[in-house]
Amino acid sequence: MDGTGLPLVTLVTAGQASDSRQMLPLLAERKVGRPVGRPRARPDAVRADKAYSSRAIRGHLRERGITAVIPEPDDQIGHRERRGSRGGRPVSFDETDYKGRNVVERHFAHLKEWRGLATGCDKHAIVYRAAVVLHAVSAWAQRLSGMT
């Protein structure tokens, strides 16, 4: 999602699939068009909750020059501190920037107002994905028409 809560890319997976494992494929698909030039594929920062705090995700973001605004879970802090100097440095975390994550949470709450999406009762993934895409188009249309 962009900074205003509008979806930029969607992905539908099985219900038991881990969200954090889907972050890197979603980042690979994310492209934002510009008036001139190639679409922008690299965000300035990624805001995510503690579930996305892993070495793989942080390393990937660091390699691409993307700021990770992801808090470190208490168990990871404990493991790092227990290892002493071999545990590495604490991750940098901007608490002020992290407060902007509520935009994403509010959009998910709005998404769950659609009964079919909230219950996930569709038998086929293609029907569920169609509803997700329709909701995204609706959100963009409302924003462009100035309704929100």
C-alpha atoms as a PDB file:
ATOM      1  CA  MET A   1       0.000   0.000   0.000  1.00  0.00           C
ATOM      2  CA  ASP A   2       1.050   3.510  -0.542  1.00  0.00           C
ATOM      3  CA  GLY A   3       1.306   6.052   2.265  1.00  0.00           C
ATOM      4  CA  THR A   4      -2.403   6.862   2.016  1.00  0.00           C
ATOM      5  CA  GLY A   5      -3.662   3.284   2.327  1.00  0.00           C
ATOM      6  CA  LEU A   6      -4.345   2.553  -1.330  1.00  0.00           C
ATOM      7  CA  PRO A   7      -3.356  -0.945  -2.473  1.00  0.00           C
ATOM      8  CA  LEU A   8      -0.542  -1.127  -5.019  1.00  0.00           C
ATOM      9  CA  VAL A   9      -0.278  -4.894  -5.455  1.00  0.00           C
ATOM     10  CA  THR A  10      -2.331  -7.873  -4.271  1.00  0.00           C
ATOM     11  CA  LEU A  11      -1.574 -11.523  -3.688  1.00  0.00           C
ATOM     12  CA  VAL A  12      -3.940 -14.258  -2.563  1.00  0.00           C
ATOM     13  CA  THR A  13      -2.476 -17.331  -0.865  1.00  0.00           C
ATOM     14  CA  ALA A  14      -3.764 -20.282   1.099  1.00  0.00           C
ATOM     15  CA  GLY A  15      -5.182 -19.452   4.519  1.00  0.00           C
ATOM     16  CA  GLN A  16      -2.420 -21.253   6.384  1.00  0.00           C
ATOM     17  CA  ALA A  17       0.392 -19.550   4.412  1.00  0.00           C
ATOM     18  CA  SER A  18       2.657 -17.205   6.353  1.00  0.00           C
ATOM     19  CA  ASP A  19       2.249 -13.535   5.465  1.00  0.00           C
ATOM     20  CA  SER A  20       5.923 -12.797   6.024  1.00  0.00           C
ATOM     21  CA  ARG A  21       6.971 -15.314   3.349  1.00  0.00           C
ATOM     22  CA  GLN A  22       4.934 -13.380   0.789  1.00  0.00           C
ATOM     23  CA  MET A  23       6.592 -10.026   1.422  1.00  0.00           C
ATOM     24  CA  LEU A  24       9.512 -10.476  -0.987  1.00  0.00           C
ATOM     25  CA  PRO A  25       7.316 -11.685  -3.905  1.00  0.00           C
ATOM     26  CA  LEU A  26       4.986  -8.725  -3.296  1.00  0.00           C
ATOM     27  CA  LEU A  27       7.918  -6.286  -3.373  1.00  0.00           C
ATOM     28  CA  ALA A  28       9.087  -7.847  -6.644  1.00  0.00           C
ATOM     29  CA  GLU A  29       5.667  -7.218  -8.222  1.00  0.00           C
ATOM     30  CA  ARG A  30       5.271  -3.667  -6.944  1.00  0.00           C
ATOM     31  CA  LYS A  31       5.585  -1.010  -9.648  1.00  0.00           C
ATOM     32  CA  VAL A  32       4.311   2.564  -9.528  1.00  0.00           C
ATOM     33  CA  GLY A  33       3.911   4.423 -12.794  1.00  0.00           C
ATOM     34  CA  ARG A  34       5.355   7.894 -13.256  1.00  0.00           C
ATOM     35  CA  PRO A  35       4.409  10.560 -15.783  1.00  0.00           C
ATOM     36  CA  VAL A  36       7.846  10.257 -17.416  1.00  0.00           C
ATOM     37  CA  GLY A  37      10.263   7.330 -17.383  1.00  0.00           C
ATOM     38  CA  ARG A  38      10.146   3.782 -16.134  1.00  0.00           C
ATOM     39  CA  PRO A  39       7.826   2.737 -13.311  1.00  0.00           C
ATOM     40  CA  ARG A  40       9.320   3.074  -9.852  1.00  0.00           C
ATOM     41  CA  ALA A  41       9.941  -0.343  -8.317  1.00  0.00           C
ATOM     42  CA  ARG A  42      11.684   0.560  -5.060  1.00  0.00           C
ATOM     43  CA  PRO A  43       9.841   2.151  -2.143  1.00  0.00           C
ATOM     44  CA  ASP A  44      11.612   4.553   0.186  1.00  0.00           C
ATOM     45  CA  ALA A  45      10.577   2.577   3.282  1.00  0.00           C
ATOM     46  CA  VAL A  46       8.596  -0.492   4.284  1.00  0.00           C
ATOM     47  CA  ARG A  47       6.463  -0.369   7.435  1.00  0.00           C
ATOM     48  CA  ALA A  48       5.541  -3.756   8.846  1.00  0.00           C
ATOM     49  CA  ASP A  49       4.763  -5.370  12.182  1.00  0.00           C
ATOM     50  CA  LYS A  50       6.996  -7.649  14.243  1.00  0.00           C
ATOM     51  CA  ALA A  51       6.022 -10.745  12.230  1.00  0.00           C
ATOM     52  CA  TYR A  52       8.137  -9.419   9.336  1.00  0.00           C
ATOM     53  CA  SER A  53      11.304  -9.022  11.414  1.00  0.00           C
ATOM     54  CA  SER A  54      13.604 -11.652   9.955  1.00  0.00           C
ATOM     55  CA  ARG A  55      17.179 -11.657   8.719  1.00  0.00           C
ATOM     56  CA  ALA A  56      16.069 -12.533   5.191  1.00  0.00           C
ATOM     57  CA  ILE A  57      13.614  -9.657   4.922  1.00  0.00           C
ATOM     58  CA  ARG A  58      15.880  -7.110   6.601  1.00  0.00           C
ATOM     59  CA  GLY A  59      18.837  -8.228   4.458  1.00  0.00           C
ATOM     60  CA  HIS A  60      16.818  -7.959   1.247  1.00  0.00           C
ATOM     61  CA  LEU A  61      15.593  -4.485   2.146  1.00  0.00           C
ATOM     62  CA  ARG A  62      19.109  -3.387   3.084  1.00  0.00           C
ATOM     63  CA  GLU A  63      20.518  -4.666  -0.245  1.00  0.00           C
ATOM     64  CA  ARG A  64      17.924  -2.664  -2.178  1.00  0.00           C
ATOM     65  CA  GLY A  65      18.451   0.492  -0.108  1.00  0.00           C
ATOM     66  CA  ILE A  66      14.967   0.400   1.433  1.00  0.00           C
ATOM     67  CA  THR A  67      14.501   1.621   4.988  1.00  0.00           C
ATOM     68  CA  ALA A  68      12.965  -1.090   7.182  1.00  0.00           C
ATOM     69  CA  VAL A  69      10.541   0.354   9.721  1.00  0.00           C
ATOM     70  CA  ILE A  70       9.974  -2.949  11.502  1.00  0.00           C
ATOM     71  CA  PRO A  71      10.133  -3.350  15.289  1.00  0.00           C
ATOM     72  CA  GLU A  72      12.250  -6.158  16.694  1.00  0.00           C
ATOM     73  CA  PRO A  73      10.314  -8.823  18.654  1.00  0.00           C
ATOM     74  CA  ASP A  74      11.195  -9.312  22.298  1.00  0.00           C
ATOM     75  CA  ASP A  75      12.499 -12.854  21.720  1.00  0.00           C
ATOM     76  CA  GLN A  76      14.936 -11.634  19.034  1.00  0.00           C
ATOM     77  CA  ILE A  77      16.139  -8.874  21.359  1.00  0.00           C
ATOM     78  CA  GLY A  78      16.737 -11.468  24.098  1.00  0.00           C
ATOM     79  CA  HIS A  79      18.632 -13.808  21.740  1.00  0.00           C
ATOM     80  CA  ARG A  80      20.824 -10.945  20.522  1.00  0.00           C
ATOM     81  CA  GLU A  81      21.592  -9.722  24.033  1.00  0.00           C
ATOM     82  CA  ARG A  82      22.334 -13.246  25.272  1.00  0.00           C
ATOM     83  CA  ARG A  83      24.940 -13.671  22.520  1.00  0.00           C
ATOM     84  CA  GLY A  84      26.723 -10.526  23.691  1.00  0.00           C
ATOM     85  CA  SER A  85      29.057  -8.879  21.188  1.00  0.00           C
ATOM     86  CA  ARG A  86      28.490 -11.770  18.743  1.00  0.00           C
ATOM     87  CA  GLY A  87      24.772 -11.013  18.698  1.00  0.00           C
ATOM     88  CA  GLY A  88      25.216  -7.979  16.498  1.00  0.00           C
ATOM     89  CA  ARG A  89      23.901  -4.466  16.784  1.00  0.00           C
ATOM     90  CA  PRO A  90      20.307  -3.641  17.594  1.00  0.00           C
ATOM     91  CA  VAL A  91      18.195  -2.908  14.536  1.00  0.00           C
ATOM     92  CA  SER A  92      17.424   0.716  13.839  1.00  0.00           C
ATOM     93  CA  PHE A  93      13.789   1.563  14.342  1.00  0.00           C
ATOM     94  CA  ASP A  94      12.007   4.883  13.863  1.00  0.00           C
ATOM     95  CA  GLU A  95       9.024   4.891  16.234  1.00  0.00           C
ATOM     96  CA  THR A  96       7.626   8.098  14.756  1.00  0.00           C
ATOM     97  CA  ASP A  97       7.614   6.661  11.223  1.00  0.00           C
ATOM     98  CA  TYR A  98       6.095   3.399  12.511  1.00  0.00           C
ATOM     99  CA  LYS A  99       3.029   5.299  13.709  1.00  0.00           C
ATOM    100  CA  GLY A 100       2.128   5.732  10.032  1.00  0.00           C
ATOM    101  CA  ARG A 101       1.437   1.998   9.854  1.00  0.00           C
ATOM    102  CA  ASN A 102      -2.064   2.594  11.210  1.00  0.00           C
ATOM    103  CA  VAL A 103      -3.048   3.645   7.672  1.00  0.00           C
ATOM    104  CA  VAL A 104      -2.541   0.057   6.547  1.00  0.00           C
ATOM    105  CA  GLU A 105      -4.457  -1.344   9.515  1.00  0.00           C
ATOM    106  CA  ARG A 106      -7.371   0.993   8.833  1.00  0.00           C
ATOM    107  CA  HIS A 107      -7.467  -0.128   5.196  1.00  0.00           C
ATOM    108  CA  PHE A 108      -7.606  -3.778   6.272  1.00  0.00           C
ATOM    109  CA  ALA A 109     -10.483  -2.908   8.607  1.00  0.00           C
ATOM    110  CA  HIS A 110     -12.257  -1.267   5.663  1.00  0.00           C
ATOM    111  CA  LEU A 111     -11.513  -4.319   3.513  1.00  0.00           C
ATOM    112  CA  LYS A 112     -13.181  -6.564   6.087  1.00  0.00           C
ATOM    113  CA  GLU A 113     -16.419  -4.600   5.748  1.00  0.00           C
ATOM    114  CA  TRP A 114     -16.944  -6.625   2.583  1.00  0.00           C
ATOM    115  CA  ARG A 115     -18.562  -9.738   4.021  1.00  0.00           C
ATOM    116  CA  GLY A 116     -17.196 -12.150   1.426  1.00  0.00           C
ATOM    117  CA  LEU A 117     -13.642 -10.988   2.031  1.00  0.00           C
ATOM    118  CA  ALA A 118     -13.973 -10.970   5.815  1.00  0.00           C
ATOM    119  CA  THR A 119     -15.285 -14.533   6.004  1.00  0.00           C
ATOM    120  CA  GLY A 120     -13.143 -15.962   3.212  1.00  0.00           C
ATOM    121  CA  CYS A 121     -15.944 -18.338   2.345  1.00  0.00           C
ATOM    122  CA  ASP A 122     -15.376 -18.384  -1.426  1.00  0.00           C
ATOM    123  CA  LYS A 123     -14.656 -21.873  -2.706  1.00  0.00           C
ATOM    124  CA  HIS A 124     -12.297 -20.761  -5.455  1.00  0.00           C
ATOM    125  CA  ALA A 125      -9.232 -18.546  -5.056  1.00  0.00           C
ATOM    126  CA  ILE A 126      -9.944 -16.785  -8.351  1.00  0.00           C
ATOM    127  CA  VAL A 127     -13.307 -15.544  -7.038  1.00  0.00           C
ATOM    128  CA  TYR A 128     -11.706 -14.331  -3.807  1.00  0.00           C
ATOM    129  CA  ARG A 129      -8.918 -12.593  -5.756  1.00  0.00           C
ATOM    130  CA  ALA A 130     -11.508 -10.947  -8.007  1.00  0.00           C
ATOM    131  CA  ALA A 131     -13.195  -9.495  -4.905  1.00  0.00           C
ATOM    132  CA  VAL A 132      -9.834  -8.216  -3.596  1.00  0.00           C
ATOM    133  CA  VAL A 133      -9.055  -6.562  -6.932  1.00  0.00           C
ATOM    134  CA  LEU A 134     -12.569  -5.110  -7.156  1.00  0.00           C
ATOM    135  CA  HIS A 135     -12.146  -3.630  -3.680  1.00  0.00           C
ATOM    136  CA  ALA A 136      -8.794  -2.120  -4.716  1.00  0.00           C
ATOM    137  CA  VAL A 137     -10.340  -0.582  -7.836  1.00  0.00           C
ATOM    138  CA  SER A 138     -13.172   0.791  -5.725  1.00  0.00           C
ATOM    139  CA  ALA A 139     -10.715   2.348  -3.251  1.00  0.00           C
ATOM    140  CA  TRP A 140      -8.739   3.985  -6.069  1.00  0.00           C
ATOM    141  CA  ALA A 141     -11.934   5.226  -7.767  1.00  0.00           C
ATOM    142  CA  GLN A 142     -13.162   6.779  -4.522  1.00  0.00           C
ATOM    143  CA  ARG A 143      -9.821   8.512  -3.994  1.00  0.00           C
ATOM    144  CA  LEU A 144      -9.659   9.818  -7.556  1.00  0.00           C
ATOM    145  CA  SER A 145     -13.216  11.122  -7.438  1.00  0.00           C
ATOM    146  CA  GLY A 146     -12.495  12.905  -4.158  1.00  0.00           C
ATOM    147  CA  MET A 147     -15.064  10.975  -2.110  1.00  0.00           C
ATOM    148  CA  THR A 148     -12.656  10.259   0.784  1.00  0.00           C
END
